Amino acid sequence: MRFLPFILLLIISFTSCKSSKLATKNKSESIAKTKQSKKGNLAYKTNPEYIKAHNIVTFANSFEGTKYKFGGTTKKGMDCSGLIYVAFKNENILLPRVSRDMATKGYPITLKEVQKGDLLFFQTNKNRRVINHVGLVTNANNRTIEFIHSTTSKGVITSSLSERYWQLAFKEARRFL
């Protein structure tokens, strides 16, 4: 008899938690649907791959302005594949260290499929037909693809694939997430 108030208290607390979670879940779903209709594909933006891509791009952007250094992977100096290598490594994704080796991983995609976090591979040496440059897509919409990379002349910068030089040098796009 003396345990009856204690048992009733437990029953009330468990049932109230369950109903509040359900109400919170339904409210969250309603908010998510509203945001989705207002802002586009919210499901995509809450996707774990999108979040990883966002984190990778944000980390890579922190190196903007870093000077070029062959083999570099720090703020003291960075090369193109080093930038990609450390950005992905920051999210516990290990890629090969060299751009031509990176181009054998992931899976190929078309430019129409490109999205934030994908990699673009280039052949910038006309005499050698091998991939020797890589960039990370930072923004992709129906008209523009922007990517961050490290150039020998300007260091870590963001460029557009619509620039003639990069259009001519472009070889392929790949997805790793």
C-alpha atoms as a PDB file:
ATOM      1  CA  MET A   1       0.000   0.000   0.000  1.00  0.00           C
ATOM      2  CA  ARG A   2       2.770   2.432   0.818  1.00  0.00           C
ATOM      3  CA  PHE A   3       4.340   1.739  -2.633  1.00  0.00           C
ATOM      4  CA  LEU A   4       1.147   2.697  -4.491  1.00  0.00           C
ATOM      5  CA  PRO A   5       1.891   6.483  -4.641  1.00  0.00           C
ATOM      6  CA  PHE A   6       5.413   5.711  -5.849  1.00  0.00           C
ATOM      7  CA  ILE A   7       4.135   3.373  -8.598  1.00  0.00           C
ATOM      8  CA  LEU A   8       1.524   5.931  -9.690  1.00  0.00           C
ATOM      9  CA  LEU A   9       4.219   8.607  -9.865  1.00  0.00           C
ATOM     10  CA  LEU A  10       6.378   6.366 -12.071  1.00  0.00           C
ATOM     11  CA  ILE A  11       3.480   5.573 -14.398  1.00  0.00           C
ATOM     12  CA  ILE A  12       2.576   9.243 -14.773  1.00  0.00           C
ATOM     13  CA  SER A  13       6.174  10.267 -15.463  1.00  0.00           C
ATOM     14  CA  PHE A  14       6.676   7.587 -18.138  1.00  0.00           C
ATOM     15  CA  THR A  15       3.424   8.305 -19.911  1.00  0.00           C
ATOM     16  CA  SER A  16       3.987  12.064 -19.871  1.00  0.00           C
ATOM     17  CA  CYS A  17       7.504  11.677 -21.374  1.00  0.00           C
ATOM     18  CA  LYS A  18       6.223   9.472 -24.136  1.00  0.00           C
ATOM     19  CA  SER A  19       3.446  11.826 -25.139  1.00  0.00           C
ATOM     20  CA  SER A  20       5.700  14.892 -25.036  1.00  0.00           C
ATOM     21  CA  LYS A  21       8.246  13.158 -27.266  1.00  0.00           C
ATOM     22  CA  LEU A  22       5.512  12.287 -29.712  1.00  0.00           C
ATOM     23  CA  ALA A  23       4.215  15.848 -29.672  1.00  0.00           C
ATOM     24  CA  THR A  24       7.745  17.186 -30.141  1.00  0.00           C
ATOM     25  CA  LYS A  25       8.365  14.770 -33.002  1.00  0.00           C
ATOM     26  CA  ASN A  26       5.111  15.734 -34.730  1.00  0.00           C
ATOM     27  CA  LYS A  27       5.894  19.427 -34.220  1.00  0.00           C
ATOM     28  CA  SER A  28       9.423  18.897 -35.614  1.00  0.00           C
ATOM     29  CA  GLU A  29       8.041  17.096 -38.649  1.00  0.00           C
ATOM     30  CA  SER A  30       5.576  19.920 -39.228  1.00  0.00           C
ATOM     31  CA  ILE A  31       8.321  22.553 -38.958  1.00  0.00           C
ATOM     32  CA  ALA A  32      10.568  20.518 -41.272  1.00  0.00           C
ATOM     33  CA  LYS A  33       7.811  20.258 -43.889  1.00  0.00           C
ATOM     34  CA  THR A  34       7.186  23.999 -43.669  1.00  0.00           C
ATOM     35  CA  LYS A  35      10.888  24.788 -44.028  1.00  0.00           C
ATOM     36  CA  GLN A  36      11.182  22.337 -46.911  1.00  0.00           C
ATOM     37  CA  SER A  37       8.396  24.047 -48.812  1.00  0.00           C
ATOM     38  CA  LYS A  38       9.922  27.472 -48.103  1.00  0.00           C
ATOM     39  CA  LYS A  39      13.610  26.752 -48.637  1.00  0.00           C
ATOM     40  CA  GLY A  40      13.710  23.878 -51.099  1.00  0.00           C
ATOM     41  CA  ASN A  41      15.145  20.474 -50.353  1.00  0.00           C
ATOM     42  CA  LEU A  42      15.610  20.527 -46.570  1.00  0.00           C
ATOM     43  CA  ALA A  43      15.915  16.744 -46.505  1.00  0.00           C
ATOM     44  CA  TYR A  44      19.070  17.075 -48.579  1.00  0.00           C
ATOM     45  CA  LYS A  45      20.504  19.757 -46.292  1.00  0.00           C
ATOM     46  CA  THR A  46      19.968  17.640 -43.175  1.00  0.00           C
ATOM     47  CA  ASN A  47      21.437  14.590 -44.884  1.00  0.00           C
ATOM     48  CA  PRO A  48      24.644  13.391 -43.115  1.00  0.00           C
ATOM     49  CA  GLU A  49      26.570  13.518 -46.418  1.00  0.00           C
ATOM     50  CA  TYR A  50      25.561  17.153 -46.926  1.00  0.00           C
ATOM     51  CA  ILE A  51      26.659  18.003 -43.393  1.00  0.00           C
ATOM     52  CA  LYS A  52      30.021  16.288 -43.971  1.00  0.00           C
ATOM     53  CA  ALA A  53      30.408  18.092 -47.301  1.00  0.00           C
ATOM     54  CA  HIS A  54      29.612  21.403 -45.613  1.00  0.00           C
ATOM     55  CA  ASN A  55      32.205  20.723 -42.885  1.00  0.00           C
ATOM     56  CA  ILE A  56      34.829  19.708 -45.463  1.00  0.00           C
ATOM     57  CA  VAL A  57      34.247  22.867 -47.508  1.00  0.00           C
ATOM     58  CA  THR A  58      34.265  25.081 -44.405  1.00  0.00           C
ATOM     59  CA  PHE A  59      37.571  23.584 -43.270  1.00  0.00           C
ATOM     60  CA  ALA A  60      39.095  23.943 -46.748  1.00  0.00           C
ATOM     61  CA  ASN A  61      37.943  27.578 -46.880  1.00  0.00           C
ATOM     62  CA  SER A  62      39.912  28.256 -43.685  1.00  0.00           C
ATOM     63  CA  PHE A  63      43.077  27.854 -45.810  1.00  0.00           C
ATOM     64  CA  GLU A  64      42.044  30.565 -48.309  1.00  0.00           C
ATOM     65  CA  GLY A  65      45.047  32.825 -48.951  1.00  0.00           C
ATOM     66  CA  THR A  66      47.604  30.211 -47.859  1.00  0.00           C
ATOM     67  CA  LYS A  67      50.624  30.306 -50.162  1.00  0.00           C
ATOM     68  CA  TYR A  68      51.463  27.390 -52.451  1.00  0.00           C
ATOM     69  CA  LYS A  69      54.052  24.881 -51.304  1.00  0.00           C
ATOM     70  CA  PHE A  70      54.729  21.624 -53.135  1.00  0.00           C
ATOM     71  CA  GLY A  71      53.788  18.791 -50.763  1.00  0.00           C
ATOM     72  CA  GLY A  72      52.385  21.261 -48.219  1.00  0.00           C
ATOM     73  CA  THR A  73      49.512  20.412 -45.893  1.00  0.00           C
ATOM     74  CA  THR A  74      49.550  23.299 -43.387  1.00  0.00           C
ATOM     75  CA  LYS A  75      48.814  27.031 -43.180  1.00  0.00           C
ATOM     76  CA  LYS A  76      52.512  27.612 -43.889  1.00  0.00           C
ATOM     77  CA  GLY A  77      52.024  26.199 -47.384  1.00  0.00           C
ATOM     78  CA  MET A  78      49.595  23.990 -49.283  1.00  0.00           C
ATOM     79  CA  ASP A  79      49.438  22.232 -52.625  1.00  0.00           C
ATOM     80  CA  CYS A  80      46.196  21.276 -54.386  1.00  0.00           C
ATOM     81  CA  SER A  81      45.999  17.656 -53.286  1.00  0.00           C
ATOM     82  CA  GLY A  82      47.239  18.557 -49.804  1.00  0.00           C
ATOM     83  CA  LEU A  83      44.283  20.906 -49.392  1.00  0.00           C
ATOM     84  CA  ILE A  84      41.822  18.187 -50.356  1.00  0.00           C
ATOM     85  CA  TYR A  85      43.634  15.550 -48.308  1.00  0.00           C
ATOM     86  CA  VAL A  86      43.528  17.573 -45.041  1.00  0.00           C
ATOM     87  CA  ALA A  87      39.958  18.802 -45.594  1.00  0.00           C
ATOM     88  CA  PHE A  88      38.634  15.247 -45.962  1.00  0.00           C
ATOM     89  CA  LYS A  89      40.921  13.926 -43.213  1.00  0.00           C
ATOM     90  CA  ASN A  90      39.381  16.508 -40.865  1.00  0.00           C
ATOM     91  CA  GLU A  91      36.099  14.562 -41.315  1.00  0.00           C
ATOM     92  CA  ASN A  92      37.873  11.199 -40.861  1.00  0.00           C
ATOM     93  CA  ILE A  93      37.796  10.387 -44.576  1.00  0.00           C
ATOM     94  CA  LEU A  94      41.163   9.188 -45.818  1.00  0.00           C
ATOM     95  CA  LEU A  95      41.987   9.880 -49.448  1.00  0.00           C
ATOM     96  CA  PRO A  96      45.186   9.214 -51.356  1.00  0.00           C
ATOM     97  CA  ARG A  97      47.648  12.095 -51.044  1.00  0.00           C
ATOM     98  CA  VAL A  98      48.209  12.664 -54.798  1.00  0.00           C
ATOM     99  CA  SER A  99      45.549  14.056 -57.169  1.00  0.00           C
ATOM    100  CA  ARG A 100      46.006  11.395 -59.878  1.00  0.00           C
ATOM    101  CA  ASP A 101      45.506   8.694 -57.218  1.00  0.00           C
ATOM    102  CA  MET A 102      42.454  10.497 -55.811  1.00  0.00           C
ATOM    103  CA  ALA A 103      40.962  10.370 -59.312  1.00  0.00           C
ATOM    104  CA  THR A 104      40.826   6.561 -59.095  1.00  0.00           C
ATOM    105  CA  LYS A 105      38.639   6.616 -55.947  1.00  0.00           C
ATOM    106  CA  GLY A 106      35.032   7.581 -55.344  1.00  0.00           C
ATOM    107  CA  TYR A 107      32.744   7.361 -58.344  1.00  0.00           C
ATOM    108  CA  PRO A 108      32.483   9.522 -61.461  1.00  0.00           C
ATOM    109  CA  ILE A 109      29.603  11.965 -61.872  1.00  0.00           C
ATOM    110  CA  THR A 110      28.522  14.396 -64.576  1.00  0.00           C
ATOM    111  CA  LEU A 111      28.806  18.150 -64.200  1.00  0.00           C
ATOM    112  CA  LYS A 112      25.007  18.314 -63.934  1.00  0.00           C
ATOM    113  CA  GLU A 113      25.216  16.101 -60.836  1.00  0.00           C
ATOM    114  CA  VAL A 114      28.020  18.058 -59.144  1.00  0.00           C
ATOM    115  CA  GLN A 115      27.291  19.389 -55.686  1.00  0.00           C
ATOM    116  CA  LYS A 116      29.137  20.861 -52.738  1.00  0.00           C
ATOM    117  CA  GLY A 117      31.884  18.509 -51.528  1.00  0.00           C
ATOM    118  CA  ASP A 118      32.551  16.798 -54.874  1.00  0.00           C
ATOM    119  CA  LEU A 119      35.999  16.884 -56.445  1.00  0.00           C
ATOM    120  CA  LEU A 120      36.973  18.224 -59.864  1.00  0.00           C
ATOM    121  CA  PHE A 121      40.059  16.836 -61.599  1.00  0.00           C
ATOM    122  CA  PHE A 122      42.145  18.622 -64.196  1.00  0.00           C
ATOM    123  CA  GLN A 123      44.952  18.036 -66.684  1.00  0.00           C
ATOM    124  CA  THR A 124      46.861  21.317 -66.667  1.00  0.00           C
ATOM    125  CA  ASN A 125      49.984  20.063 -68.422  1.00  0.00           C
ATOM    126  CA  LYS A 126      49.368  19.850 -72.178  1.00  0.00           C
ATOM    127  CA  ASN A 127      52.438  17.647 -72.716  1.00  0.00           C
ATOM    128  CA  ARG A 128      51.469  15.023 -70.148  1.00  0.00           C
ATOM    129  CA  ARG A 129      47.947  13.641 -70.371  1.00  0.00           C
ATOM    130  CA  VAL A 130      47.606  12.815 -66.677  1.00  0.00           C
ATOM    131  CA  ILE A 131      45.515  14.315 -63.931  1.00  0.00           C
ATOM    132  CA  ASN A 132      47.732  16.700 -62.009  1.00  0.00           C
ATOM    133  CA  HIS A 133      45.306  19.097 -60.313  1.00  0.00           C
ATOM    134  CA  VAL A 134      42.247  18.804 -58.058  1.00  0.00           C
ATOM    135  CA  GLY A 135      39.684  21.211 -56.644  1.00  0.00           C
ATOM    136  CA  LEU A 136      36.870  20.913 -54.102  1.00  0.00           C
ATOM    137  CA  VAL A 137      33.410  22.118 -55.149  1.00  0.00           C
ATOM    138  CA  THR A 138      32.278  24.864 -52.769  1.00  0.00           C
ATOM    139  CA  ASN A 139      29.159  25.951 -54.628  1.00  0.00           C
ATOM    140  CA  ALA A 140      27.176  24.386 -57.444  1.00  0.00           C
ATOM    141  CA  ASN A 141      23.987  25.712 -58.931  1.00  0.00           C
ATOM    142  CA  ASN A 142      22.469  25.386 -62.376  1.00  0.00           C
ATOM    143  CA  ARG A 143      24.816  27.988 -63.908  1.00  0.00           C
ATOM    144  CA  THR A 144      27.998  28.096 -61.844  1.00  0.00           C
ATOM    145  CA  ILE A 145      30.390  25.623 -60.279  1.00  0.00           C
ATOM    146  CA  GLU A 146      32.920  27.155 -57.894  1.00  0.00           C
ATOM    147  CA  PHE A 147      35.811  25.242 -56.378  1.00  0.00           C
ATOM    148  CA  ILE A 148      38.616  25.859 -53.916  1.00  0.00           C
ATOM    149  CA  HIS A 149      42.115  24.736 -54.850  1.00  0.00           C
ATOM    150  CA  SER A 150      45.758  25.714 -54.520  1.00  0.00           C
ATOM    151  CA  THR A 151      47.564  27.242 -57.485  1.00  0.00           C
ATOM    152  CA  THR A 152      51.293  27.714 -57.844  1.00  0.00           C
ATOM    153  CA  SER A 153      50.847  31.432 -58.568  1.00  0.00           C
ATOM    154  CA  LYS A 154      48.132  32.528 -56.116  1.00  0.00           C
ATOM    155  CA  GLY A 155      48.028  29.823 -53.436  1.00  0.00           C
ATOM    156  CA  VAL A 156      44.658  28.689 -52.079  1.00  0.00           C
ATOM    157  CA  ILE A 157      41.867  30.456 -53.968  1.00  0.00           C
ATOM    158  CA  THR A 158      38.314  29.888 -55.160  1.00  0.00           C
ATOM    159  CA  SER A 159      37.785  29.727 -58.923  1.00  0.00           C
ATOM    160  CA  SER A 160      34.888  29.114 -61.272  1.00  0.00           C
ATOM    161  CA  LEU A 161      34.663  26.259 -63.731  1.00  0.00           C
ATOM    162  CA  SER A 162      33.233  28.781 -66.185  1.00  0.00           C
ATOM    163  CA  GLU A 163      36.714  30.343 -66.519  1.00  0.00           C
ATOM    164  CA  ARG A 164      38.103  29.299 -69.896  1.00  0.00           C
ATOM    165  CA  TYR A 165      41.379  27.928 -68.498  1.00  0.00           C
ATOM    166  CA  TRP A 166      39.572  25.570 -66.121  1.00  0.00           C
ATOM    167  CA  GLN A 167      36.990  24.558 -68.747  1.00  0.00           C
ATOM    168  CA  LEU A 168      39.768  23.463 -71.097  1.00  0.00           C
ATOM    169  CA  ALA A 169      41.750  21.682 -68.380  1.00  0.00           C
ATOM    170  CA  PHE A 170      38.732  19.912 -66.803  1.00  0.00           C
ATOM    171  CA  LYS A 171      38.911  16.122 -67.001  1.00  0.00           C
ATOM    172  CA  GLU A 172      36.306  14.671 -64.614  1.00  0.00           C
ATOM    173  CA  ALA A 173      34.202  15.070 -61.458  1.00  0.00           C
ATOM    174  CA  ARG A 174      33.992  12.501 -58.681  1.00  0.00           C
ATOM    175  CA  ARG A 175      31.918  12.019 -55.546  1.00  0.00           C
ATOM    176  CA  PHE A 176      33.379  10.624 -52.344  1.00  0.00           C
ATOM    177  CA  LEU A 177      30.490  11.091 -49.902  1.00  0.00           C
END
